[in-house]
PDB file of N, CA and C in Angstrom:
ATOM      1  N   UNK A   1      73.497 124.997 145.237  1.00  0.00           N
ATOM      2  CA  UNK A   1      72.882 124.041 144.354  1.00  0.00           C
ATOM      3  C   UNK A   1      73.607 123.990 143.014  1.00  0.00           C
ATOM      4  N   UNK A   2      73.979 125.120 142.470  1.00  0.00           N
ATOM      5  CA  UNK A   2      74.660 125.151 141.183  1.00  0.00           C
ATOM      6  C   UNK A   2      76.029 124.483 141.280  1.00  0.00           C
ATOM      7  N   UNK A   3      76.746 124.726 142.366  1.00  0.00           N
ATOM      8  CA  UNK A   3      78.049 124.094 142.533  1.00  0.00           C
ATOM      9  C   UNK A   3      77.932 122.578 142.605  1.00  0.00           C
ATOM     10  N   UNK A   4      76.909 122.092 143.275  1.00  0.00           N
ATOM     11  CA  UNK A   4      76.706 120.655 143.377  1.00  0.00           C
ATOM     12  C   UNK A   4      76.461 120.045 141.996  1.00  0.00           C
ATOM     13  N   UNK A   5      75.712 120.721 141.145  1.00  0.00           N
ATOM     14  CA  UNK A   5      75.442 120.218 139.793  1.00  0.00           C
ATOM     15  C   UNK A   5      76.735 120.184 138.982  1.00  0.00           C
ATOM     16  N   UNK A   6      77.546 121.207 139.088  1.00  0.00           N
ATOM     17  CA  UNK A   6      78.805 121.229 138.349  1.00  0.00           C
ATOM     18  C   UNK A   6      79.765 120.156 138.843  1.00  0.00           C
ATOM     19  N   UNK A   7      79.777 119.910 140.121  1.00  0.00           N
ATOM     20  CA  UNK A   7      80.644 118.866 140.669  1.00  0.00           C
ATOM     21  C   UNK A   7      80.200 117.496 140.168  1.00  0.00           C
ATOM     22  N   UNK A   8      78.881 117.252 140.174  1.00  0.00           N
ATOM     23  CA  UNK A   8      78.370 115.966 139.700  1.00  0.00           C
ATOM     24  C   UNK A   8      78.663 115.766 138.219  1.00  0.00           C
ATOM     25  N   UNK A   9      78.536 116.823 137.423  1.00  0.00           N
ATOM     26  CA  UNK A   9      78.826 116.707 135.989  1.00  0.00           C
ATOM     27  C   UNK A   9      80.303 116.408 135.774  1.00  0.00           C
ATOM     28  N   UNK A  10      81.157 117.006 136.577  1.00  0.00           N
ATOM     29  CA  UNK A  10      82.585 116.756 136.446  1.00  0.00           C
ATOM     30  C   UNK A  10      82.968 115.334 136.814  1.00  0.00           C
ATOM     31  N   UNK A  11      82.347 114.786 137.841  1.00  0.00           N
ATOM     32  CA  UNK A  11      82.678 113.416 138.224  1.00  0.00           C
ATOM     33  C   UNK A  11      82.081 112.401 137.252  1.00  0.00           C
ATOM     34  N   UNK A  12      80.968 112.716 136.633  1.00  0.00           N
ATOM     35  CA  UNK A  12      80.368 111.790 135.669  1.00  0.00           C
ATOM     36  C   UNK A  12      81.266 111.647 134.447  1.00  0.00           C
ATOM     37  N   UNK A  13      81.897 112.733 134.024  1.00  0.00           N
ATOM     38  CA  UNK A  13      82.788 112.657 132.865  1.00  0.00           C
ATOM     39  C   UNK A  13      84.073 111.907 133.190  1.00  0.00           C
ATOM     40  N   UNK A  14      84.533 112.002 134.418  1.00  0.00           N
ATOM     41  CA  UNK A  14      85.803 111.386 134.761  1.00  0.00           C
ATOM     42  C   UNK A  14      85.695 109.868 134.907  1.00  0.00           C
ATOM     43  N   UNK A  15      84.476 109.354 135.049  1.00  0.00           N
ATOM     44  CA  UNK A  15      84.312 107.912 135.192  1.00  0.00           C
ATOM     45  C   UNK A  15      84.647 107.161 133.919  1.00  0.00           C
ATOM     46  N   UNK A  16      84.444 107.778 132.781  1.00  0.00           N
ATOM     47  CA  UNK A  16      84.780 107.137 131.517  1.00  0.00           C
ATOM     48  C   UNK A  16      83.654 106.251 131.015  1.00  0.00           C
ATOM     49  N   UNK A  17      84.035 105.347 130.154  1.00  0.00           N
ATOM     50  CA  UNK A  17      83.082 104.495 129.472  1.00  0.00           C
ATOM     51  C   UNK A  17      82.889 103.218 130.279  1.00  0.00           C
ATOM     52  N   UNK A  18      81.702 102.644 130.183  1.00  0.00           N
ATOM     53  CA  UNK A  18      81.456 101.434 130.955  1.00  0.00           C
ATOM     54  C   UNK A  18      82.117 100.217 130.309  1.00  0.00           C
ATOM     55  N   UNK A  19      82.109  99.121 130.986  1.00  0.00           N
ATOM     56  CA  UNK A  19      82.821  97.918 130.562  1.00  0.00           C
ATOM     57  C   UNK A  19      82.274  97.350 129.266  1.00  0.00           C
ATOM     58  N   UNK A  20      80.947  97.331 129.121  1.00  0.00           N
ATOM     59  CA  UNK A  20      80.355  96.721 127.918  1.00  0.00           C
ATOM     60  C   UNK A  20      80.690  97.504 126.659  1.00  0.00           C
ATOM     61  N   UNK A  21      80.746  98.818 126.736  1.00  0.00           N
ATOM     62  CA  UNK A  21      81.104  99.591 125.543  1.00  0.00           C
ATOM     63  C   UNK A  21      82.579  99.403 125.199  1.00  0.00           C
ATOM     64  N   UNK A  22      83.422  99.202 126.209  1.00  0.00           N
ATOM     65  CA  UNK A  22      84.833  98.899 125.933  1.00  0.00           C
ATOM     66  C   UNK A  22      84.982  97.542 125.259  1.00  0.00           C
ATOM     67  N   UNK A  23      84.210  96.560 125.735  1.00  0.00           N
ATOM     68  CA  UNK A  23      84.257  95.233 125.127  1.00  0.00           C
ATOM     69  C   UNK A  23      83.754  95.299 123.691  1.00  0.00           C
ATOM     70  N   UNK A  24      82.674  96.037 123.462  1.00  0.00           N
ATOM     71  CA  UNK A  24      82.135  96.185 122.108  1.00  0.00           C
ATOM     72  C   UNK A  24      83.143  96.881 121.197  1.00  0.00           C
ATOM     73  N   UNK A  25      83.825  97.905 121.696  1.00  0.00           N
ATOM     74  CA  UNK A  25      84.826  98.606 120.894  1.00  0.00           C
ATOM     75  C   UNK A  25      85.998  97.684 120.570  1.00  0.00           C
ATOM     76  N   UNK A  26      86.403  96.871 121.531  1.00  0.00           N
ATOM     77  CA  UNK A  26      87.480  95.914 121.277  1.00  0.00           C
ATOM     78  C   UNK A  26      87.088  94.878 120.238  1.00  0.00           C
ATOM     79  N   UNK A  27      85.853  94.412 120.301  1.00  0.00           N
ATOM     80  CA  UNK A  27      85.376  93.443 119.319  1.00  0.00           C
ATOM     81  C   UNK A  27      85.298  94.067 117.927  1.00  0.00           C
ATOM     82  N   UNK A  28      84.839  95.321 117.835  1.00  0.00           N
ATOM     83  CA  UNK A  28      84.805  96.010 116.530  1.00  0.00           C
ATOM     84  C   UNK A  28      86.210  96.164 115.970  1.00  0.00           C
ATOM     85  N   UNK A  29      87.152  96.517 116.831  1.00  0.00           N
ATOM     86  CA  UNK A  29      88.548  96.669 116.395  1.00  0.00           C
ATOM     87  C   UNK A  29      89.094  95.335 115.889  1.00  0.00           C
ATOM     88  N   UNK A  30      88.793  94.249 116.588  1.00  0.00           N
ATOM     89  CA  UNK A  30      89.230  92.921 116.165  1.00  0.00           C
ATOM     90  C   UNK A  30      88.637  92.555 114.808  1.00  0.00           C
ATOM     91  N   UNK A  31      87.336  92.829 114.619  1.00  0.00           N
ATOM     92  CA  UNK A  31      86.694  92.508 113.337  1.00  0.00           C
ATOM     93  C   UNK A  31      87.282  93.328 112.199  1.00  0.00           C
ATOM     94  N   UNK A  32      87.553  94.622 112.449  1.00  0.00           N
ATOM     95  CA  UNK A  32      88.143  95.466 111.412  1.00  0.00           C
ATOM     96  C   UNK A  32      89.517  94.959 111.008  1.00  0.00           C
ATOM     97  N   UNK A  33      90.341  94.575 111.985  1.00  0.00           N
ATOM     98  CA  UNK A  33      91.662  94.040 111.676  1.00  0.00           C
ATOM     99  C   UNK A  33      91.560  92.731 110.894  1.00  0.00           C
ATOM    100  N   UNK A  34      90.609  91.862 111.294  1.00  0.00           N
ATOM    101  CA  UNK A  34      90.437  90.583 110.604  1.00  0.00           C
ATOM    102  C   UNK A  34      90.024  90.796 109.148  1.00  0.00           C
ATOM    103  N   UNK A  35      89.089  91.716 108.912  1.00  0.00           N
ATOM    104  CA  UNK A  35      88.650  91.995 107.548  1.00  0.00           C
ATOM    105  C   UNK A  35      89.775  92.609 106.725  1.00  0.00           C
ATOM    106  N   UNK A  36      90.580  93.451 107.346  1.00  0.00           N
ATOM    107  CA  UNK A  36      91.711  94.052 106.645  1.00  0.00           C
ATOM    108  C   UNK A  36      92.717  92.976 106.232  1.00  0.00           C
ATOM    109  N   UNK A  37      93.012  92.045 107.135  1.00  0.00           N
ATOM    110  CA  UNK A  37      93.948  90.972 106.812  1.00  0.00           C
ATOM    111  C   UNK A  37      93.394  90.084 105.698  1.00  0.00           C
ATOM    112  N   UNK A  38      92.090  89.830 105.705  1.00  0.00           N
ATOM    113  CA  UNK A  38      91.492  89.043 104.627  1.00  0.00           C
ATOM    114  C   UNK A  38      91.616  89.753 103.293  1.00  0.00           C
ATOM    115  N   UNK A  39      91.380  91.048 103.274  1.00  0.00           N
ATOM    116  CA  UNK A  39      91.504  91.817 102.038  1.00  0.00           C
ATOM    117  C   UNK A  39      92.946  91.806 101.532  1.00  0.00           C
ATOM    118  N   UNK A  40      93.898  91.968 102.444  1.00  0.00           N
ATOM    119  CA  UNK A  40      95.296  91.946 102.018  1.00  0.00           C
ATOM    120  C   UNK A  40      95.710  90.553 101.543  1.00  0.00           C
ATOM    121  N   UNK A  41      95.188  89.504 102.160  1.00  0.00           N
ATOM    122  CA  UNK A  41      95.480  88.145 101.702  1.00  0.00           C
ATOM    123  C   UNK A  41      94.922  87.925 100.306  1.00  0.00           C
ATOM    124  N   UNK A  42      93.750  88.476 100.024  1.00  0.00           N
ATOM    125  CA  UNK A  42      93.188  88.372  98.684  1.00  0.00           C
ATOM    126  C   UNK A  42      94.075  89.088  97.675  1.00  0.00           C
ATOM    127  N   UNK A  43      94.560  90.277  98.048  1.00  0.00           N
ATOM    128  CA  UNK A  43      95.438  91.015  97.131  1.00  0.00           C
ATOM    129  C   UNK A  43      96.765  90.293  96.928  1.00  0.00           C
ATOM    130  N   UNK A  44      97.249  89.588  97.948  1.00  0.00           N
ATOM    131  CA  UNK A  44      98.486  88.834  97.786  1.00  0.00           C
ATOM    132  C   UNK A  44      98.314  87.696  96.793  1.00  0.00           C
ATOM    133  N   UNK A  45      97.100  87.176  96.670  1.00  0.00           N
ATOM    134  CA  UNK A  45      96.863  86.092  95.719  1.00  0.00           C
ATOM    135  C   UNK A  45      96.541  86.611  94.324  1.00  0.00           C
ATOM    136  N   UNK A  46      96.418  87.934  94.164  1.00  0.00           N
ATOM    137  CA  UNK A  46      96.090  88.514  92.861  1.00  0.00           C
ATOM    138  C   UNK A  46      97.320  88.537  91.962  1.00  0.00           C
ATOM    139  N   UNK A  47      97.064  88.705  90.690  1.00  0.00           N
ATOM    140  CA  UNK A  47      98.161  88.791  89.717  1.00  0.00           C
ATOM    141  C   UNK A  47      98.918  90.102  89.898  1.00  0.00           C
ATOM    142  N   UNK A  48     100.207  90.094  89.642  1.00  0.00           N
ATOM    143  CA  UNK A  48     100.990  91.336  89.771  1.00  0.00           C
ATOM    144  C   UNK A  48     100.480  92.440  88.845  1.00  0.00           C
ATOM    145  N   UNK A  49      99.926  92.057  87.699  1.00  0.00           N
ATOM    146  CA  UNK A  49      99.409  93.061  86.759  1.00  0.00           C
ATOM    147  C   UNK A  49      98.222  93.812  87.360  1.00  0.00           C
ATOM    148  N   UNK A  50      97.374  93.099  88.097  1.00  0.00           N
ATOM    149  CA  UNK A  50      96.240  93.745  88.765  1.00  0.00           C
ATOM    150  C   UNK A  50      96.728  94.716  89.833  1.00  0.00           C
ATOM    151  N   UNK A  51      97.716  94.307  90.599  1.00  0.00           N
ATOM    152  CA  UNK A  51      98.272  95.204  91.618  1.00  0.00           C
ATOM    153  C   UNK A  51      98.870  96.453  90.982  1.00  0.00           C
ATOM    154  N   UNK A  52      99.532  96.275  89.844  1.00  0.00           N
ATOM    155  CA  UNK A  52     100.127  97.420  89.155  1.00  0.00           C
ATOM    156  C   UNK A  52      99.042  98.364  88.648  1.00  0.00           C
ATOM    157  N   UNK A  53      97.920  97.807  88.205  1.00  0.00           N
ATOM    158  CA  UNK A  53      96.826  98.636  87.705  1.00  0.00           C
ATOM    159  C   UNK A  53      96.215  99.510  88.801  1.00  0.00           C
ATOM    160  N   UNK A  54      96.180  99.018  90.026  1.00  0.00           N
ATOM    161  CA  UNK A  54      95.606  99.825  91.110  1.00  0.00           C
ATOM    162  C   UNK A  54      96.665 100.614  91.869  1.00  0.00           C
ATOM    163  N   UNK A  55      97.919 100.539  91.412  1.00  0.00           N
ATOM    164  CA  UNK A  55      98.976 101.365  91.981  1.00  0.00           C
ATOM    165  C   UNK A  55      99.639 100.800  93.217  1.00  0.00           C
ATOM    166  N   UNK A  56      99.658  99.477  93.354  1.00  0.00           N
ATOM    167  CA  UNK A  56     100.314  98.843  94.492  1.00  0.00           C
ATOM    168  C   UNK A  56     101.389  97.891  94.015  1.00  0.00           C
ATOM    169  N   UNK A  57     102.297  97.580  94.894  1.00  0.00           N
ATOM    170  CA  UNK A  57     103.240  96.500  94.616  1.00  0.00           C
ATOM    171  C   UNK A  57     103.111  95.455  95.713  1.00  0.00           C
ATOM    172  N   UNK A  58     103.654  94.294  95.486  1.00  0.00           N
ATOM    173  CA  UNK A  58     103.486  93.176  96.408  1.00  0.00           C
ATOM    174  C   UNK A  58     104.120  93.470  97.770  1.00  0.00           C
ATOM    175  N   UNK A  59     105.196  94.224  97.801  1.00  0.00           N
ATOM    176  CA  UNK A  59     105.857  94.540  99.073  1.00  0.00           C
ATOM    177  C   UNK A  59     104.958  95.403  99.962  1.00  0.00           C
ATOM    178  N   UNK A  60     104.261  96.357  99.373  1.00  0.00           N
ATOM    179  CA  UNK A  60     103.348  97.199 100.143  1.00  0.00           C
ATOM    180  C   UNK A  60     102.204  96.378 100.713  1.00  0.00           C
ATOM    181  N   UNK A  61     101.640  95.502  99.888  1.00  0.00           N
ATOM    182  CA  UNK A  61     100.532  94.665 100.344  1.00  0.00           C
ATOM    183  C   UNK A  61     101.003  93.731 101.457  1.00  0.00           C
ATOM    184  N   UNK A  62     102.189  93.169 101.304  1.00  0.00           N
ATOM    185  CA  UNK A  62     102.728  92.284 102.341  1.00  0.00           C
ATOM    186  C   UNK A  62     102.945  93.049 103.648  1.00  0.00           C
ATOM    187  N   UNK A  63     103.451  94.259 103.554  1.00  0.00           N
ATOM    188  CA  UNK A  63     103.658  95.083 104.746  1.00  0.00           C
ATOM    189  C   UNK A  63     102.358  95.385 105.467  1.00  0.00           C
ATOM    190  N   UNK A  64     101.312  95.677 104.711  1.00  0.00           N
ATOM    191  CA  UNK A  64     100.021  95.957 105.337  1.00  0.00           C
ATOM    192  C   UNK A  64      99.367  94.691 105.864  1.00  0.00           C
ATOM    193  N   UNK A  65      99.682  93.547 105.288  1.00  0.00           N
ATOM    194  CA  UNK A  65      99.157  92.289 105.811  1.00  0.00           C
ATOM    195  C   UNK A  65      99.812  91.963 107.151  1.00  0.00           C
ATOM    196  N   UNK A  66     101.117  92.156 107.237  1.00  0.00           N
ATOM    197  CA  UNK A  66     101.840  91.825 108.455  1.00  0.00           C
ATOM    198  C   UNK A  66     101.591  92.842 109.571  1.00  0.00           C
ATOM    199  N   UNK A  67     101.451  94.117 109.220  1.00  0.00           N
ATOM    200  CA  UNK A  67     101.253  95.172 110.221  1.00  0.00           C
ATOM    201  C   UNK A  67     100.185  96.141 109.726  1.00  0.00           C
ATOM    202  N   UNK A  68      98.902  95.850 109.989  1.00  0.00           N
ATOM    203  CA  UNK A  68      97.823  96.679 109.449  1.00  0.00           C
ATOM    204  C   UNK A  68      97.839  98.125 109.935  1.00  0.00           C
ATOM    205  N   UNK A  69      98.372  98.385 111.091  1.00  0.00           N
ATOM    206  CA  UNK A  69      98.381  99.747 111.620  1.00  0.00           C
ATOM    207  C   UNK A  69      99.470 100.621 111.052  1.00  0.00           C
ATOM    208  N   UNK A  70     100.343 100.067 110.231  1.00  0.00           N
ATOM    209  CA  UNK A  70     101.469 100.838 109.699  1.00  0.00           C
ATOM    210  C   UNK A  70     101.016 102.002 108.824  1.00  0.00           C
ATOM    211  N   UNK A  71      99.918 101.846 108.140  1.00  0.00           N
ATOM    212  CA  UNK A  71      99.452 102.907 107.250  1.00  0.00           C
ATOM    213  C   UNK A  71      98.951 104.122 108.022  1.00  0.00           C
ATOM    214  N   UNK A  72      98.571 103.941 109.274  1.00  0.00           N
ATOM    215  CA  UNK A  72      97.959 105.016 110.026  1.00  0.00           C
ATOM    216  C   UNK A  72      98.896 105.674 111.023  1.00  0.00           C
ATOM    217  N   UNK A  73     100.080 105.125 111.194  1.00  0.00           N
ATOM    218  CA  UNK A  73     101.040 105.738 112.114  1.00  0.00           C
ATOM    219  C   UNK A  73     101.690 106.949 111.466  1.00  0.00           C
ATOM    220  N   UNK A  74     102.123 107.855 112.304  1.00  0.00           N
ATOM    221  CA  UNK A  74     102.808 109.039 111.797  1.00  0.00           C
ATOM    222  C   UNK A  74     104.188 108.649 111.283  1.00  0.00           C
ATOM    223  N   UNK A  75     104.496 109.166 110.149  1.00  0.00           N
ATOM    224  CA  UNK A  75     105.817 108.922 109.573  1.00  0.00           C
ATOM    225  C   UNK A  75     106.524 110.272 109.417  1.00  0.00           C
ATOM    226  N   UNK A  76     107.822 110.294 109.600  1.00  0.00           N
ATOM    227  CA  UNK A  76     108.537 111.560 109.396  1.00  0.00           C
ATOM    228  C   UNK A  76     108.492 111.958 107.932  1.00  0.00           C
ATOM    229  N   UNK A  77     108.235 113.228 107.697  1.00  0.00           N
ATOM    230  CA  UNK A  77     108.181 113.723 106.321  1.00  0.00           C
ATOM    231  C   UNK A  77     109.487 114.406 105.973  1.00  0.00           C
ATOM    232  N   UNK A  78     109.930 114.170 104.771  1.00  0.00           N
ATOM    233  CA  UNK A  78     111.195 114.783 104.322  1.00  0.00           C
ATOM    234  C   UNK A  78     110.945 116.087 103.633  1.00  0.00           C
TER     235      UNK A  78
END
């Protein structure tokens, strides 16, 4: 009986997440990316003096607008 319970628990974990939770996660990811692009577009329309005050330059903001995941990827450290 104990072996049967352990086998069932092991197969339940291997099935993964159901389809609706994957769709919901994909939609959340899409919304997060859209909001990030909107924020970066707003910063691109800001004055350069404002960007300098918060410690950014226009090239950094443009890079994050074009590729939002760039900030989170691993970069080689010197």
